[in-house]
Amino acid sequence: MSVAVRLASGNVLVCMDTLGQAKSIPPARHSHHFVQIAAAIAALAGLLFGFDTGVISGAILFIKGAFKLAPFMEELLVTQ
């Protein structure tokens, strides 16, 4: 078991192995790109979820009238 304290910049403050000997750990690579990609995917997912919510809320008004849906059936349709 080793103990390491790593700063957000990737620099290591302290790294000790089980024998108490200090050793260095190279700075983390590609973490900045991973965060950017994850943020972009999350933003796109939120955008698509919002678009889908808007479409179904507009369409349910016409679907409810055309098929004479009960409130429970309307809920099932919206959740699908």
PDB file of N, CA and C in Angstrom:
ATOM      1  N   MET A   1       0.845  -1.170   0.000  1.00  0.00           N
ATOM      2  CA  MET A   1       0.000   0.000   0.000  1.00  0.00           C
ATOM      3  C   MET A   1       0.884   1.223   0.000  1.00  0.00           C
ATOM      4  N   SER A   2       0.564   2.171  -0.840  1.00  0.00           N
ATOM      5  CA  SER A   2       1.338   3.399  -0.862  1.00  0.00           C
ATOM      6  C   SER A   2       0.415   4.583  -0.633  1.00  0.00           C
ATOM      7  N   VAL A   3       0.978   5.652  -0.130  1.00  0.00           N
ATOM      8  CA  VAL A   3       0.223   6.859   0.155  1.00  0.00           C
ATOM      9  C   VAL A   3       0.808   7.977  -0.690  1.00  0.00           C
ATOM     10  N   ALA A   4      -0.048   8.705  -1.398  1.00  0.00           N
ATOM     11  CA  ALA A   4       0.419   9.812  -2.229  1.00  0.00           C
ATOM     12  C   ALA A   4      -0.561  10.967  -2.103  1.00  0.00           C
ATOM     13  N   VAL A   5      -0.034  12.161  -2.104  1.00  0.00           N
ATOM     14  CA  VAL A   5      -0.851  13.367  -2.116  1.00  0.00           C
ATOM     15  C   VAL A   5      -0.536  14.084  -3.415  1.00  0.00           C
ATOM     16  N   ARG A   6      -1.551  14.168  -4.285  1.00  0.00           N
ATOM     17  CA  ARG A   6      -1.359  14.762  -5.596  1.00  0.00           C
ATOM     18  C   ARG A   6      -2.165  16.055  -5.682  1.00  0.00           C
ATOM     19  N   LEU A   7      -1.540  17.108  -6.161  1.00  0.00           N
ATOM     20  CA  LEU A   7      -2.217  18.384  -6.344  1.00  0.00           C
ATOM     21  C   LEU A   7      -3.040  18.356  -7.617  1.00  0.00           C
ATOM     22  N   ALA A   8      -3.937  19.319  -7.785  1.00  0.00           N
ATOM     23  CA  ALA A   8      -4.753  19.392  -8.991  1.00  0.00           C
ATOM     24  C   ALA A   8      -3.892  19.616 -10.233  1.00  0.00           C
ATOM     25  N   SER A   9      -2.729  20.233 -10.056  1.00  0.00           N
ATOM     26  CA  SER A   9      -1.842  20.469 -11.196  1.00  0.00           C
ATOM     27  C   SER A   9      -1.118  19.207 -11.628  1.00  0.00           C
ATOM     28  N   GLY A  10      -1.229  18.136 -10.853  1.00  0.00           N
ATOM     29  CA  GLY A  10      -0.567  16.883 -11.192  1.00  0.00           C
ATOM     30  C   GLY A  10       0.742  16.672 -10.465  1.00  0.00           C
ATOM     31  N   ASN A  11       1.204  17.644  -9.722  1.00  0.00           N
ATOM     32  CA  ASN A  11       2.445  17.502  -8.976  1.00  0.00           C
ATOM     33  C   ASN A  11       2.220  16.681  -7.716  1.00  0.00           C
ATOM     34  N   VAL A  12       3.200  15.892  -7.370  1.00  0.00           N
ATOM     35  CA  VAL A  12       3.105  15.037  -6.188  1.00  0.00           C
ATOM     36  C   VAL A  12       3.775  15.729  -5.021  1.00  0.00           C
ATOM     37  N   LEU A  13       3.037  15.848  -3.913  1.00  0.00           N
ATOM     38  CA  LEU A  13       3.628  16.412  -2.711  1.00  0.00           C
ATOM     39  C   LEU A  13       4.425  15.349  -1.966  1.00  0.00           C
ATOM     40  N   VAL A  14       3.781  14.235  -1.646  1.00  0.00           N
ATOM     41  CA  VAL A  14       4.414  13.174  -0.874  1.00  0.00           C
ATOM     42  C   VAL A  14       3.967  11.842  -1.443  1.00  0.00           C
ATOM     43  N   CYS A  15       4.893  10.928  -1.559  1.00  0.00           N
ATOM     44  CA  CYS A  15       4.564   9.572  -1.978  1.00  0.00           C
ATOM     45  C   CYS A  15       5.436   8.619  -1.191  1.00  0.00           C
ATOM     46  N   MET A  16       4.806   7.792  -0.379  1.00  0.00           N
ATOM     47  CA  MET A  16       5.545   6.847   0.446  1.00  0.00           C
ATOM     48  C   MET A  16       5.015   5.447   0.159  1.00  0.00           C
ATOM     49  N   ASP A  17       5.904   4.487  -0.020  1.00  0.00           N
ATOM     50  CA  ASP A  17       5.464   3.114  -0.196  1.00  0.00           C
ATOM     51  C   ASP A  17       5.356   2.442   1.171  1.00  0.00           C
ATOM     52  N   THR A  18       5.110   1.147   1.188  1.00  0.00           N
ATOM     53  CA  THR A  18       4.894   0.444   2.452  1.00  0.00           C
ATOM     54  C   THR A  18       6.134   0.408   3.332  1.00  0.00           C
ATOM     55  N   LEU A  19       7.288   0.535   2.739  1.00  0.00           N
ATOM     56  CA  LEU A  19       8.518   0.503   3.530  1.00  0.00           C
ATOM     57  C   LEU A  19       8.926   1.890   4.010  1.00  0.00           C
ATOM     58  N   GLY A  20       8.149   2.901   3.695  1.00  0.00           N
ATOM     59  CA  GLY A  20       8.462   4.250   4.128  1.00  0.00           C
ATOM     60  C   GLY A  20       9.456   4.956   3.233  1.00  0.00           C
ATOM     61  N   GLN A  21       9.724   4.405   2.056  1.00  0.00           N
ATOM     62  CA  GLN A  21      10.660   5.027   1.132  1.00  0.00           C
ATOM     63  C   GLN A  21       9.902   5.942   0.178  1.00  0.00           C
ATOM     64  N   ALA A  22      10.442   7.113  -0.021  1.00  0.00           N
ATOM     65  CA  ALA A  22       9.802   8.067  -0.923  1.00  0.00           C
ATOM     66  C   ALA A  22      10.124   7.716  -2.365  1.00  0.00           C
ATOM     67  N   LYS A  23       9.145   7.843  -3.237  1.00  0.00           N
ATOM     68  CA  LYS A  23       9.356   7.632  -4.663  1.00  0.00           C
ATOM     69  C   LYS A  23       8.497   8.624  -5.424  1.00  0.00           C
ATOM     70  N   SER A  24       8.854   8.890  -6.645  1.00  0.00           N
ATOM     71  CA  SER A  24       8.135   9.896  -7.422  1.00  0.00           C
ATOM     72  C   SER A  24       7.104   9.235  -8.334  1.00  0.00           C
ATOM     73  N   ILE A  25       6.041   9.967  -8.587  1.00  0.00           N
ATOM     74  CA  ILE A  25       4.983   9.524  -9.483  1.00  0.00           C
ATOM     75  C   ILE A  25       4.902  10.545 -10.607  1.00  0.00           C
ATOM     76  N   PRO A  26       4.890  10.112 -11.860  1.00  0.00           N
ATOM     77  CA  PRO A  26       4.799  11.081 -12.952  1.00  0.00           C
ATOM     78  C   PRO A  26       3.445  11.793 -12.922  1.00  0.00           C
ATOM     79  N   PRO A  27       3.384  13.034 -13.389  1.00  0.00           N
ATOM     80  CA  PRO A  27       2.119  13.762 -13.386  1.00  0.00           C
ATOM     81  C   PRO A  27       1.080  13.102 -14.290  1.00  0.00           C
ATOM     82  N   ALA A  28      -0.186  13.253 -13.924  1.00  0.00           N
ATOM     83  CA  ALA A  28      -1.269  12.661 -14.700  1.00  0.00           C
ATOM     84  C   ALA A  28      -1.340  13.317 -16.076  1.00  0.00           C
ATOM     85  N   ARG A  29      -1.582  12.499 -17.083  1.00  0.00           N
ATOM     86  CA  ARG A  29      -1.673  12.991 -18.455  1.00  0.00           C
ATOM     87  C   ARG A  29      -3.102  12.850 -18.956  1.00  0.00           C
ATOM     88  N   HIS A  30      -3.470  13.684 -19.840  1.00  0.00           N
ATOM     89  CA  HIS A  30      -4.746  13.640 -20.553  1.00  0.00           C
ATOM     90  C   HIS A  30      -5.955  13.848 -19.658  1.00  0.00           C
ATOM     91  N   SER A  31      -5.784  14.216 -18.406  1.00  0.00           N
ATOM     92  CA  SER A  31      -6.949  14.416 -17.545  1.00  0.00           C
ATOM     93  C   SER A  31      -7.732  15.653 -17.973  1.00  0.00           C
ATOM     94  N   HIS A  32      -7.041  16.670 -18.482  1.00  0.00           N
ATOM     95  CA  HIS A  32      -7.712  17.890 -18.931  1.00  0.00           C
ATOM     96  C   HIS A  32      -8.620  17.596 -20.128  1.00  0.00           C
ATOM     97  N   HIS A  33      -8.137  16.772 -21.051  1.00  0.00           N
ATOM     98  CA  HIS A  33      -8.933  16.425 -22.230  1.00  0.00           C
ATOM     99  C   HIS A  33     -10.126  15.554 -21.838  1.00  0.00           C
ATOM    100  N   PHE A  34      -9.918  14.658 -20.883  1.00  0.00           N
ATOM    101  CA  PHE A  34     -11.013  13.799 -20.428  1.00  0.00           C
ATOM    102  C   PHE A  34     -12.130  14.624 -19.818  1.00  0.00           C
ATOM    103  N   VAL A  35     -11.778  15.619 -19.022  1.00  0.00           N
ATOM    104  CA  VAL A  35     -12.784  16.471 -18.388  1.00  0.00           C
ATOM    105  C   VAL A  35     -13.552  17.254 -19.451  1.00  0.00           C
ATOM    106  N   GLN A  36     -12.865  17.761 -20.455  1.00  0.00           N
ATOM    107  CA  GLN A  36     -13.541  18.497 -21.526  1.00  0.00           C
ATOM    108  C   GLN A  36     -14.496  17.605 -22.312  1.00  0.00           C
ATOM    109  N   ILE A  37     -14.081  16.400 -22.614  1.00  0.00           N
ATOM    110  CA  ILE A  37     -14.931  15.471 -23.359  1.00  0.00           C
ATOM    111  C   ILE A  37     -16.130  15.065 -22.520  1.00  0.00           C
ATOM    112  N   ALA A  38     -15.918  14.783 -21.242  1.00  0.00           N
ATOM    113  CA  ALA A  38     -17.023  14.406 -20.358  1.00  0.00           C
ATOM    114  C   ALA A  38     -18.023  15.550 -20.216  1.00  0.00           C
ATOM    115  N   ALA A  39     -17.537  16.780 -20.116  1.00  0.00           N
ATOM    116  CA  ALA A  39     -18.427  17.939 -20.009  1.00  0.00           C
ATOM    117  C   ALA A  39     -19.219  18.137 -21.299  1.00  0.00           C
ATOM    118  N   ALA A  40     -18.584  17.923 -22.441  1.00  0.00           N
ATOM    119  CA  ALA A  40     -19.275  18.073 -23.725  1.00  0.00           C
ATOM    120  C   ALA A  40     -20.365  17.014 -23.887  1.00  0.00           C
ATOM    121  N   ILE A  41     -20.082  15.797 -23.493  1.00  0.00           N
ATOM    122  CA  ILE A  41     -21.076  14.722 -23.582  1.00  0.00           C
ATOM    123  C   ILE A  41     -22.237  14.994 -22.636  1.00  0.00           C
ATOM    124  N   ALA A  42     -21.944  15.459 -21.420  1.00  0.00           N
ATOM    125  CA  ALA A  42     -23.007  15.772 -20.462  1.00  0.00           C
ATOM    126  C   ALA A  42     -23.876  16.922 -20.963  1.00  0.00           C
ATOM    127  N   ALA A  43     -23.255  17.927 -21.577  1.00  0.00           N
ATOM    128  CA  ALA A  43     -24.025  19.052 -22.111  1.00  0.00           C
ATOM    129  C   ALA A  43     -24.915  18.602 -23.263  1.00  0.00           C
ATOM    130  N   LEU A  44     -24.404  17.755 -24.128  1.00  0.00           N
ATOM    131  CA  LEU A  44     -25.197  17.249 -25.246  1.00  0.00           C
ATOM    132  C   LEU A  44     -26.348  16.383 -24.742  1.00  0.00           C
ATOM    133  N   ALA A  45     -26.100  15.566 -23.729  1.00  0.00           N
ATOM    134  CA  ALA A  45     -27.162  14.722 -23.167  1.00  0.00           C
ATOM    135  C   ALA A  45     -28.255  15.589 -22.552  1.00  0.00           C
ATOM    136  N   GLY A  46     -27.881  16.639 -21.851  1.00  0.00           N
ATOM    137  CA  GLY A  46     -28.874  17.544 -21.276  1.00  0.00           C
ATOM    138  C   GLY A  46     -29.677  18.257 -22.338  1.00  0.00           C
ATOM    139  N   LEU A  47     -29.024  18.656 -23.403  1.00  0.00           N
ATOM    140  CA  LEU A  47     -29.719  19.311 -24.509  1.00  0.00           C
ATOM    141  C   LEU A  47     -30.732  18.374 -25.155  1.00  0.00           C
ATOM    142  N   LEU A  48     -30.336  17.138 -25.399  1.00  0.00           N
ATOM    143  CA  LEU A  48     -31.242  16.168 -26.016  1.00  0.00           C
ATOM    144  C   LEU A  48     -32.403  15.820 -25.095  1.00  0.00           C
ATOM    145  N   PHE A  49     -32.135  15.722 -23.792  1.00  0.00           N
ATOM    146  CA  PHE A  49     -33.207  15.438 -22.845  1.00  0.00           C
ATOM    147  C   PHE A  49     -34.221  16.579 -22.828  1.00  0.00           C
ATOM    148  N   GLY A  50     -33.740  17.804 -22.845  1.00  0.00           N
ATOM    149  CA  GLY A  50     -34.635  18.955 -22.869  1.00  0.00           C
ATOM    150  C   GLY A  50     -35.438  19.026 -24.158  1.00  0.00           C
ATOM    151  N   PHE A  51     -34.805  18.709 -25.271  1.00  0.00           N
ATOM    152  CA  PHE A  51     -35.510  18.710 -26.560  1.00  0.00           C
ATOM    153  C   PHE A  51     -36.600  17.647 -26.561  1.00  0.00           C
ATOM    154  N   ASP A  52     -36.276  16.465 -26.077  1.00  0.00           N
ATOM    155  CA  ASP A  52     -37.241  15.368 -26.019  1.00  0.00           C
ATOM    156  C   ASP A  52     -38.423  15.731 -25.126  1.00  0.00           C
ATOM    157  N   THR A  53     -38.145  16.371 -24.003  1.00  0.00           N
ATOM    158  CA  THR A  53     -39.217  16.784 -23.087  1.00  0.00           C
ATOM    159  C   THR A  53     -40.133  17.799 -23.766  1.00  0.00           C
ATOM    160  N   GLY A  54     -39.559  18.726 -24.499  1.00  0.00           N
ATOM    161  CA  GLY A  54     -40.365  19.722 -25.205  1.00  0.00           C
ATOM    162  C   GLY A  54     -41.224  19.106 -26.292  1.00  0.00           C
ATOM    163  N   VAL A  55     -40.684  18.162 -27.019  1.00  0.00           N
ATOM    164  CA  VAL A  55     -41.435  17.522 -28.112  1.00  0.00           C
ATOM    165  C   VAL A  55     -42.604  16.724 -27.560  1.00  0.00           C
ATOM    166  N   ILE A  56     -42.375  15.924 -26.528  1.00  0.00           N
ATOM    167  CA  ILE A  56     -43.464  15.091 -26.006  1.00  0.00           C
ATOM    168  C   ILE A  56     -44.530  15.937 -25.325  1.00  0.00           C
ATOM    169  N   SER A  57     -44.119  17.050 -24.688  1.00  0.00           N
ATOM    170  CA  SER A  57     -45.135  17.895 -24.042  1.00  0.00           C
ATOM    171  C   SER A  57     -46.011  18.603 -25.071  1.00  0.00           C
ATOM    172  N   GLY A  58     -45.467  18.894 -26.229  1.00  0.00           N
ATOM    173  CA  GLY A  58     -46.273  19.491 -27.293  1.00  0.00           C
ATOM    174  C   GLY A  58     -47.137  18.472 -28.005  1.00  0.00           C
ATOM    175  N   ALA A  59     -46.616  17.262 -28.173  1.00  0.00           N
ATOM    176  CA  ALA A  59     -47.344  16.230 -28.915  1.00  0.00           C
ATOM    177  C   ALA A  59     -48.437  15.579 -28.079  1.00  0.00           C
ATOM    178  N   ILE A  60     -48.269  15.547 -26.765  1.00  0.00           N
ATOM    179  CA  ILE A  60     -49.236  14.843 -25.922  1.00  0.00           C
ATOM    180  C   ILE A  60     -50.604  15.501 -25.968  1.00  0.00           C
ATOM    181  N   LEU A  61     -50.648  16.800 -26.225  1.00  0.00           N
ATOM    182  CA  LEU A  61     -51.939  17.487 -26.324  1.00  0.00           C
ATOM    183  C   LEU A  61     -52.775  16.929 -27.472  1.00  0.00           C
ATOM    184  N   PHE A  62     -52.137  16.666 -28.597  1.00  0.00           N
ATOM    185  CA  PHE A  62     -52.848  16.147 -29.767  1.00  0.00           C
ATOM    186  C   PHE A  62     -53.101  14.642 -29.642  1.00  0.00           C
ATOM    187  N   ILE A  63     -52.153  13.919 -29.074  1.00  0.00           N
ATOM    188  CA  ILE A  63     -52.302  12.467 -28.916  1.00  0.00           C
ATOM    189  C   ILE A  63     -53.432  12.152 -27.941  1.00  0.00           C
ATOM    190  N   LYS A  64     -53.505  12.921 -26.852  1.00  0.00           N
ATOM    191  CA  LYS A  64     -54.538  12.694 -25.843  1.00  0.00           C
ATOM    192  C   LYS A  64     -55.933  12.872 -26.443  1.00  0.00           C
ATOM    193  N   GLY A  65     -56.100  13.882 -27.263  1.00  0.00           N
ATOM    194  CA  GLY A  65     -57.403  14.115 -27.887  1.00  0.00           C
ATOM    195  C   GLY A  65     -57.737  13.100 -28.966  1.00  0.00           C
ATOM    196  N   ALA A  66     -56.749  12.687 -29.747  1.00  0.00           N
ATOM    197  CA  ALA A  66     -56.998  11.767 -30.856  1.00  0.00           C
ATOM    198  C   ALA A  66     -57.310  10.357 -30.379  1.00  0.00           C
ATOM    199  N   PHE A  67     -56.666   9.907 -29.310  1.00  0.00           N
ATOM    200  CA  PHE A  67     -56.844   8.528 -28.845  1.00  0.00           C
ATOM    201  C   PHE A  67     -57.695   8.429 -27.589  1.00  0.00           C
ATOM    202  N   LYS A  68     -58.204   9.549 -27.072  1.00  0.00           N
ATOM    203  CA  LYS A  68     -59.045   9.573 -25.864  1.00  0.00           C
ATOM    204  C   LYS A  68     -58.388   8.808 -24.720  1.00  0.00           C
ATOM    205  N   LEU A  69     -57.176   9.214 -24.375  1.00  0.00           N
ATOM    206  CA  LEU A  69     -56.401   8.502 -23.365  1.00  0.00           C
ATOM    207  C   LEU A  69     -56.827   8.875 -21.951  1.00  0.00           C
ATOM    208  N   ALA A  70     -56.857   7.871 -21.088  1.00  0.00           N
ATOM    209  CA  ALA A  70     -57.067   8.094 -19.657  1.00  0.00           C
ATOM    210  C   ALA A  70     -55.768   8.663 -19.085  1.00  0.00           C
ATOM    211  N   PRO A  71     -55.833   9.315 -17.923  1.00  0.00           N
ATOM    212  CA  PRO A  71     -54.603   9.880 -17.341  1.00  0.00           C
ATOM    213  C   PRO A  71     -53.493   8.851 -17.125  1.00  0.00           C
ATOM    214  N   PHE A  72     -53.856   7.624 -16.724  1.00  0.00           N
ATOM    215  CA  PHE A  72     -52.834   6.595 -16.513  1.00  0.00           C
ATOM    216  C   PHE A  72     -52.160   6.217 -17.828  1.00  0.00           C
ATOM    217  N   MET A  73     -52.927   6.055 -18.882  1.00  0.00           N
ATOM    218  CA  MET A  73     -52.358   5.716 -20.185  1.00  0.00           C
ATOM    219  C   MET A  73     -51.496   6.853 -20.727  1.00  0.00           C
ATOM    220  N   GLU A  74     -51.909   8.078 -20.444  1.00  0.00           N
ATOM    221  CA  GLU A  74     -51.119   9.235 -20.842  1.00  0.00           C
ATOM    222  C   GLU A  74     -49.752   9.226 -20.138  1.00  0.00           C
ATOM    223  N   GLU A  75     -49.758   8.885 -18.860  1.00  0.00           N
ATOM    224  CA  GLU A  75     -48.501   8.785 -18.099  1.00  0.00           C
ATOM    225  C   GLU A  75     -47.603   7.695 -18.681  1.00  0.00           C
ATOM    226  N   LEU A  76     -48.183   6.563 -19.032  1.00  0.00           N
ATOM    227  CA  LEU A  76     -47.378   5.491 -19.624  1.00  0.00           C
ATOM    228  C   LEU A  76     -46.774   5.912 -20.958  1.00  0.00           C
ATOM    229  N   LEU A  77     -47.547   6.633 -21.758  1.00  0.00           N
ATOM    230  CA  LEU A  77     -47.056   7.089 -23.044  1.00  0.00           C
ATOM    231  C   LEU A  77     -45.905   8.073 -22.882  1.00  0.00           C
ATOM    232  N   VAL A  78     -46.025   8.990 -21.934  1.00  0.00           N
ATOM    233  CA  VAL A  78     -44.988   9.994 -21.730  1.00  0.00           C
ATOM    234  C   VAL A  78     -43.698   9.361 -21.210  1.00  0.00           C
ATOM    235  N   THR A  79     -43.804   8.349 -20.366  1.00  0.00           N
ATOM    236  CA  THR A  79     -42.602   7.718 -19.809  1.00  0.00           C
ATOM    237  C   THR A  79     -41.859   6.856 -20.819  1.00  0.00           C
ATOM    238  N   GLN A  80     -42.530   6.467 -21.883  1.00  0.00           N
ATOM    239  CA  GLN A  80     -41.855   5.656 -22.891  1.00  0.00           C
ATOM    240  C   GLN A  80     -41.056   6.550 -23.761  1.00  0.00           C
TER     241      GLN A  80
END
